[in-house]
Amino acid sequence: MQNFIPSSYMTFATVEQDKQRLSKFLGHFDEKEWKFDLSKVNLCDSAGIALLLEAKRLSKAKKSHCHFVGISDEMNALIQFCGVEGILLKDNNC
């Protein structure tokens, strides 16, 4: 299972570059499952959460499944605050 590793700062300043890297990453393989590794993320804002939602959308379009791994307590709190835990963490068994 391949891993996508975003920038350590998933913010308005970096998310566009990560989105481009993610699109390129997904364009180069046909696996049914992959990991979005968040273990090295030190800072995440709402733009970072939007990137996670985009990862889910792109994954669904490729008929693959994205597993989020390494979610920090702070990021989990932000996901819950934004009200998207049902979308992002549903069936996230990694």
N, C-alpha and C. Protein backbone atom coordinates (compact mmCIF):
# COMPACT_ATOMS: atom_id res chain seq x y z
N MET A 1 0.85 -1.17 0.00
CA MET A 1 0.00 0.00 0.00
C MET A 1 0.90 1.24 0.00
N GLN A 2 0.68 2.13 -0.95
CA GLN A 2 1.51 3.32 -1.07
C GLN A 2 1.06 4.41 -0.09
N ASN A 3 2.01 5.26 0.29
CA ASN A 3 1.75 6.36 1.21
C ASN A 3 1.88 7.70 0.51
N PHE A 4 0.96 8.61 0.81
CA PHE A 4 1.13 10.01 0.44
C PHE A 4 1.46 10.76 1.72
N ILE A 5 2.53 11.56 1.68
CA ILE A 5 2.95 12.32 2.85
C ILE A 5 2.86 13.81 2.50
N PRO A 6 1.96 14.54 3.15
CA PRO A 6 1.82 15.97 2.87
C PRO A 6 2.92 16.78 3.56
N SER A 7 2.91 18.08 3.35
CA SER A 7 3.82 18.99 4.04
C SER A 7 3.58 18.92 5.54
N SER A 8 4.59 19.26 6.31
CA SER A 8 4.43 19.24 7.76
C SER A 8 3.51 20.36 8.24
N TYR A 9 3.29 21.36 7.39
CA TYR A 9 2.33 22.42 7.68
C TYR A 9 1.24 22.36 6.62
N MET A 10 0.07 21.87 6.99
CA MET A 10 -1.07 21.80 6.06
C MET A 10 -1.93 23.03 6.31
N THR A 11 -1.55 24.13 5.64
CA THR A 11 -2.20 25.42 5.86
C THR A 11 -2.54 26.07 4.52
N PHE A 12 -3.20 27.22 4.60
CA PHE A 12 -3.53 27.96 3.39
C PHE A 12 -2.28 28.21 2.54
N ALA A 13 -1.13 28.37 3.19
CA ALA A 13 0.11 28.66 2.47
C ALA A 13 0.67 27.47 1.71
N THR A 14 0.34 26.25 2.13
CA THR A 14 0.97 25.06 1.53
C THR A 14 0.00 24.12 0.83
N VAL A 15 -1.27 24.27 1.09
CA VAL A 15 -2.22 23.24 0.67
C VAL A 15 -2.34 23.11 -0.85
N GLU A 16 -2.15 24.20 -1.58
CA GLU A 16 -2.26 24.11 -3.04
C GLU A 16 -1.14 23.24 -3.61
N GLN A 17 0.06 23.37 -3.09
CA GLN A 17 1.17 22.52 -3.55
C GLN A 17 0.90 21.06 -3.20
N ASP A 18 0.39 20.83 -1.99
CA ASP A 18 0.07 19.45 -1.60
C ASP A 18 -1.05 18.88 -2.47
N LYS A 19 -2.01 19.71 -2.84
CA LYS A 19 -3.10 19.24 -3.70
C LYS A 19 -2.55 18.81 -5.06
N GLN A 20 -1.64 19.59 -5.61
CA GLN A 20 -1.03 19.23 -6.89
C GLN A 20 -0.22 17.94 -6.77
N ARG A 21 0.53 17.81 -5.69
CA ARG A 21 1.30 16.58 -5.46
C ARG A 21 0.38 15.38 -5.29
N LEU A 22 -0.74 15.58 -4.59
CA LEU A 22 -1.70 14.50 -4.38
C LEU A 22 -2.31 14.05 -5.71
N SER A 23 -2.69 15.00 -6.55
CA SER A 23 -3.26 14.65 -7.86
C SER A 23 -2.26 13.86 -8.69
N LYS A 24 -1.01 14.29 -8.67
CA LYS A 24 0.04 13.58 -9.40
C LYS A 24 0.25 12.18 -8.82
N PHE A 25 0.29 12.08 -7.50
CA PHE A 25 0.44 10.80 -6.80
C PHE A 25 -0.66 9.83 -7.22
N LEU A 26 -1.90 10.29 -7.19
CA LEU A 26 -3.02 9.41 -7.53
C LEU A 26 -3.07 9.06 -9.01
N GLY A 27 -2.48 9.90 -9.83
CA GLY A 27 -2.47 9.63 -11.26
C GLY A 27 -1.48 8.57 -11.68
N HIS A 28 -0.58 8.18 -10.78
CA HIS A 28 0.49 7.25 -11.13
C HIS A 28 0.32 5.83 -10.63
N PHE A 29 -0.83 5.50 -10.09
CA PHE A 29 -1.02 4.11 -9.67
C PHE A 29 -2.49 3.73 -9.71
N ASP A 30 -2.73 2.43 -9.73
CA ASP A 30 -4.10 1.92 -9.82
C ASP A 30 -4.44 1.03 -8.64
N GLU A 31 -3.82 1.27 -7.50
CA GLU A 31 -4.11 0.45 -6.32
C GLU A 31 -5.49 0.77 -5.78
N LYS A 32 -6.08 -0.19 -5.12
CA LYS A 32 -7.42 -0.01 -4.56
C LYS A 32 -7.39 0.65 -3.19
N GLU A 33 -6.24 0.65 -2.53
CA GLU A 33 -6.11 1.26 -1.22
C GLU A 33 -4.79 2.00 -1.12
N TRP A 34 -4.79 3.09 -0.38
CA TRP A 34 -3.56 3.84 -0.15
C TRP A 34 -3.68 4.58 1.17
N LYS A 35 -2.53 5.02 1.69
CA LYS A 35 -2.49 5.71 2.97
C LYS A 35 -2.12 7.18 2.80
N PHE A 36 -2.83 8.02 3.51
CA PHE A 36 -2.51 9.44 3.62
C PHE A 36 -1.87 9.58 5.00
N ASP A 37 -0.55 9.67 5.03
CA ASP A 37 0.21 9.63 6.28
C ASP A 37 0.35 11.03 6.89
N LEU A 38 -0.34 11.24 8.00
CA LEU A 38 -0.36 12.54 8.66
C LEU A 38 0.58 12.61 9.86
N SER A 39 1.40 11.60 10.04
CA SER A 39 2.23 11.52 11.25
C SER A 39 3.27 12.62 11.36
N LYS A 40 3.66 13.24 10.26
CA LYS A 40 4.67 14.29 10.29
C LYS A 40 4.06 15.69 10.21
N VAL A 41 2.74 15.79 10.26
CA VAL A 41 2.07 17.09 10.20
C VAL A 41 2.15 17.76 11.57
N ASN A 42 2.74 18.95 11.59
CA ASN A 42 2.90 19.71 12.84
C ASN A 42 1.82 20.77 13.01
N LEU A 43 1.24 21.23 11.91
CA LEU A 43 0.24 22.29 11.96
C LEU A 43 -0.79 22.06 10.86
N CYS A 44 -2.05 22.18 11.22
CA CYS A 44 -3.12 21.99 10.25
C CYS A 44 -4.21 23.02 10.53
N ASP A 45 -4.67 23.70 9.47
CA ASP A 45 -5.80 24.61 9.62
C ASP A 45 -6.94 24.10 8.74
N SER A 46 -7.96 24.91 8.57
CA SER A 46 -9.13 24.46 7.81
C SER A 46 -8.79 24.13 6.36
N ALA A 47 -7.77 24.77 5.80
CA ALA A 47 -7.35 24.42 4.44
C ALA A 47 -6.78 23.01 4.40
N GLY A 48 -6.09 22.61 5.45
CA GLY A 48 -5.59 21.24 5.55
C GLY A 48 -6.73 20.24 5.63
N ILE A 49 -7.76 20.58 6.37
CA ILE A 49 -8.94 19.71 6.45
C ILE A 49 -9.60 19.61 5.08
N ALA A 50 -9.64 20.73 4.36
CA ALA A 50 -10.19 20.71 3.00
C ALA A 50 -9.38 19.79 2.10
N LEU A 51 -8.06 19.73 2.29
CA LEU A 51 -7.22 18.82 1.51
C LEU A 51 -7.58 17.37 1.81
N LEU A 52 -7.86 17.06 3.06
CA LEU A 52 -8.27 15.70 3.42
C LEU A 52 -9.58 15.34 2.73
N LEU A 53 -10.51 16.28 2.70
CA LEU A 53 -11.78 16.04 2.00
C LEU A 53 -11.55 15.84 0.51
N GLU A 54 -10.63 16.62 -0.06
CA GLU A 54 -10.29 16.47 -1.48
C GLU A 54 -9.66 15.10 -1.74
N ALA A 55 -8.84 14.64 -0.81
CA ALA A 55 -8.23 13.31 -0.95
C ALA A 55 -9.30 12.24 -1.00
N LYS A 56 -10.30 12.36 -0.14
CA LYS A 56 -11.42 11.40 -0.15
C LYS A 56 -12.15 11.44 -1.49
N ARG A 57 -12.41 12.67 -1.98
CA ARG A 57 -13.14 12.83 -3.24
C ARG A 57 -12.35 12.24 -4.41
N LEU A 58 -11.08 12.56 -4.49
CA LEU A 58 -10.24 12.04 -5.57
C LEU A 58 -10.11 10.52 -5.50
N SER A 59 -10.00 10.02 -4.29
CA SER A 59 -9.90 8.57 -4.09
C SER A 59 -11.16 7.87 -4.57
N LYS A 60 -12.29 8.44 -4.22
CA LYS A 60 -13.58 7.86 -4.65
C LYS A 60 -13.69 7.88 -6.17
N ALA A 61 -13.23 8.96 -6.79
CA ALA A 61 -13.28 9.07 -8.25
C ALA A 61 -12.42 7.99 -8.92
N LYS A 62 -11.34 7.58 -8.26
CA LYS A 62 -10.47 6.52 -8.79
C LYS A 62 -10.91 5.13 -8.34
N LYS A 63 -12.03 5.09 -7.60
CA LYS A 63 -12.54 3.82 -7.07
C LYS A 63 -11.50 3.14 -6.17
N SER A 64 -10.84 3.95 -5.36
CA SER A 64 -9.88 3.43 -4.39
C SER A 64 -10.29 3.91 -2.99
N HIS A 65 -9.59 3.43 -1.99
CA HIS A 65 -9.92 3.78 -0.61
C HIS A 65 -8.71 4.43 0.06
N CYS A 66 -8.94 5.59 0.65
CA CYS A 66 -7.91 6.35 1.34
C CYS A 66 -7.99 6.08 2.84
N HIS A 67 -6.87 5.66 3.42
CA HIS A 67 -6.78 5.45 4.87
C HIS A 67 -5.94 6.59 5.45
N PHE A 68 -6.50 7.34 6.38
CA PHE A 68 -5.73 8.37 7.07
C PHE A 68 -5.03 7.74 8.26
N VAL A 69 -3.72 7.89 8.33
CA VAL A 69 -2.94 7.33 9.43
C VAL A 69 -2.14 8.44 10.10
N GLY A 70 -1.85 8.25 11.37
CA GLY A 70 -1.02 9.21 12.10
C GLY A 70 -1.73 10.50 12.44
N ILE A 71 -3.03 10.45 12.64
CA ILE A 71 -3.79 11.66 12.98
C ILE A 71 -3.50 12.04 14.43
N SER A 72 -3.02 13.26 14.64
CA SER A 72 -2.72 13.73 16.00
C SER A 72 -4.02 14.06 16.73
N ASP A 73 -3.94 14.17 18.03
CA ASP A 73 -5.11 14.56 18.82
C ASP A 73 -5.61 15.94 18.42
N GLU A 74 -4.68 16.85 18.13
CA GLU A 74 -5.05 18.21 17.72
C GLU A 74 -5.80 18.20 16.40
N MET A 75 -5.29 17.41 15.43
CA MET A 75 -5.96 17.34 14.14
C MET A 75 -7.33 16.67 14.28
N ASN A 76 -7.40 15.65 15.09
CA ASN A 76 -8.67 14.98 15.33
C ASN A 76 -9.68 15.95 15.93
N ALA A 77 -9.24 16.80 16.85
CA ALA A 77 -10.11 17.81 17.45
C ALA A 77 -10.60 18.80 16.39
N LEU A 78 -9.72 19.20 15.47
CA LEU A 78 -10.10 20.13 14.40
C LEU A 78 -11.09 19.47 13.45
N ILE A 79 -10.87 18.21 13.13
CA ILE A 79 -11.79 17.46 12.27
C ILE A 79 -13.17 17.42 12.92
N GLN A 80 -13.22 17.16 14.21
CA GLN A 80 -14.50 17.13 14.92
C GLN A 80 -15.12 18.52 14.99
N PHE A 81 -14.31 19.55 15.26
CA PHE A 81 -14.82 20.92 15.32
C PHE A 81 -15.45 21.33 13.99
N CYS A 82 -14.82 20.91 12.89
CA CYS A 82 -15.34 21.23 11.55
C CYS A 82 -16.56 20.37 11.19
N GLY A 83 -16.83 19.35 11.99
CA GLY A 83 -18.00 18.51 11.75
C GLY A 83 -17.86 17.55 10.59
N VAL A 84 -16.63 17.16 10.27
CA VAL A 84 -16.43 16.28 9.11
C VAL A 84 -15.88 14.91 9.49
N GLU A 85 -15.94 14.56 10.79
CA GLU A 85 -15.41 13.26 11.21
C GLU A 85 -16.16 12.11 10.56
N GLY A 86 -17.45 12.27 10.32
CA GLY A 86 -18.23 11.22 9.67
C GLY A 86 -17.79 10.97 8.24
N ILE A 87 -17.28 12.00 7.59
CA ILE A 87 -16.80 11.88 6.21
C ILE A 87 -15.36 11.37 6.19
N LEU A 88 -14.52 11.98 6.99
CA LEU A 88 -13.09 11.67 6.94
C LEU A 88 -12.72 10.38 7.66
N LEU A 89 -13.38 10.10 8.75
CA LEU A 89 -12.96 8.97 9.57
C LEU A 89 -13.84 7.75 9.43
N LYS A 90 -14.91 7.85 8.64
CA LYS A 90 -15.77 6.70 8.39
C LYS A 90 -14.97 5.63 7.65
N ASP A 91 -15.06 4.40 8.13
CA ASP A 91 -14.35 3.27 7.51
C ASP A 91 -12.84 3.48 7.46
N ASN A 92 -12.31 4.28 8.36
CA ASN A 92 -10.87 4.52 8.39
C ASN A 92 -10.25 3.53 9.37
N ASN A 93 -9.94 2.35 8.87
CA ASN A 93 -9.52 1.27 9.77
C ASN A 93 -8.01 1.13 9.89
N CYS A 94 -7.26 2.15 9.60
CA CYS A 94 -5.81 2.10 9.78
C CYS A 94 -5.40 3.00 10.92
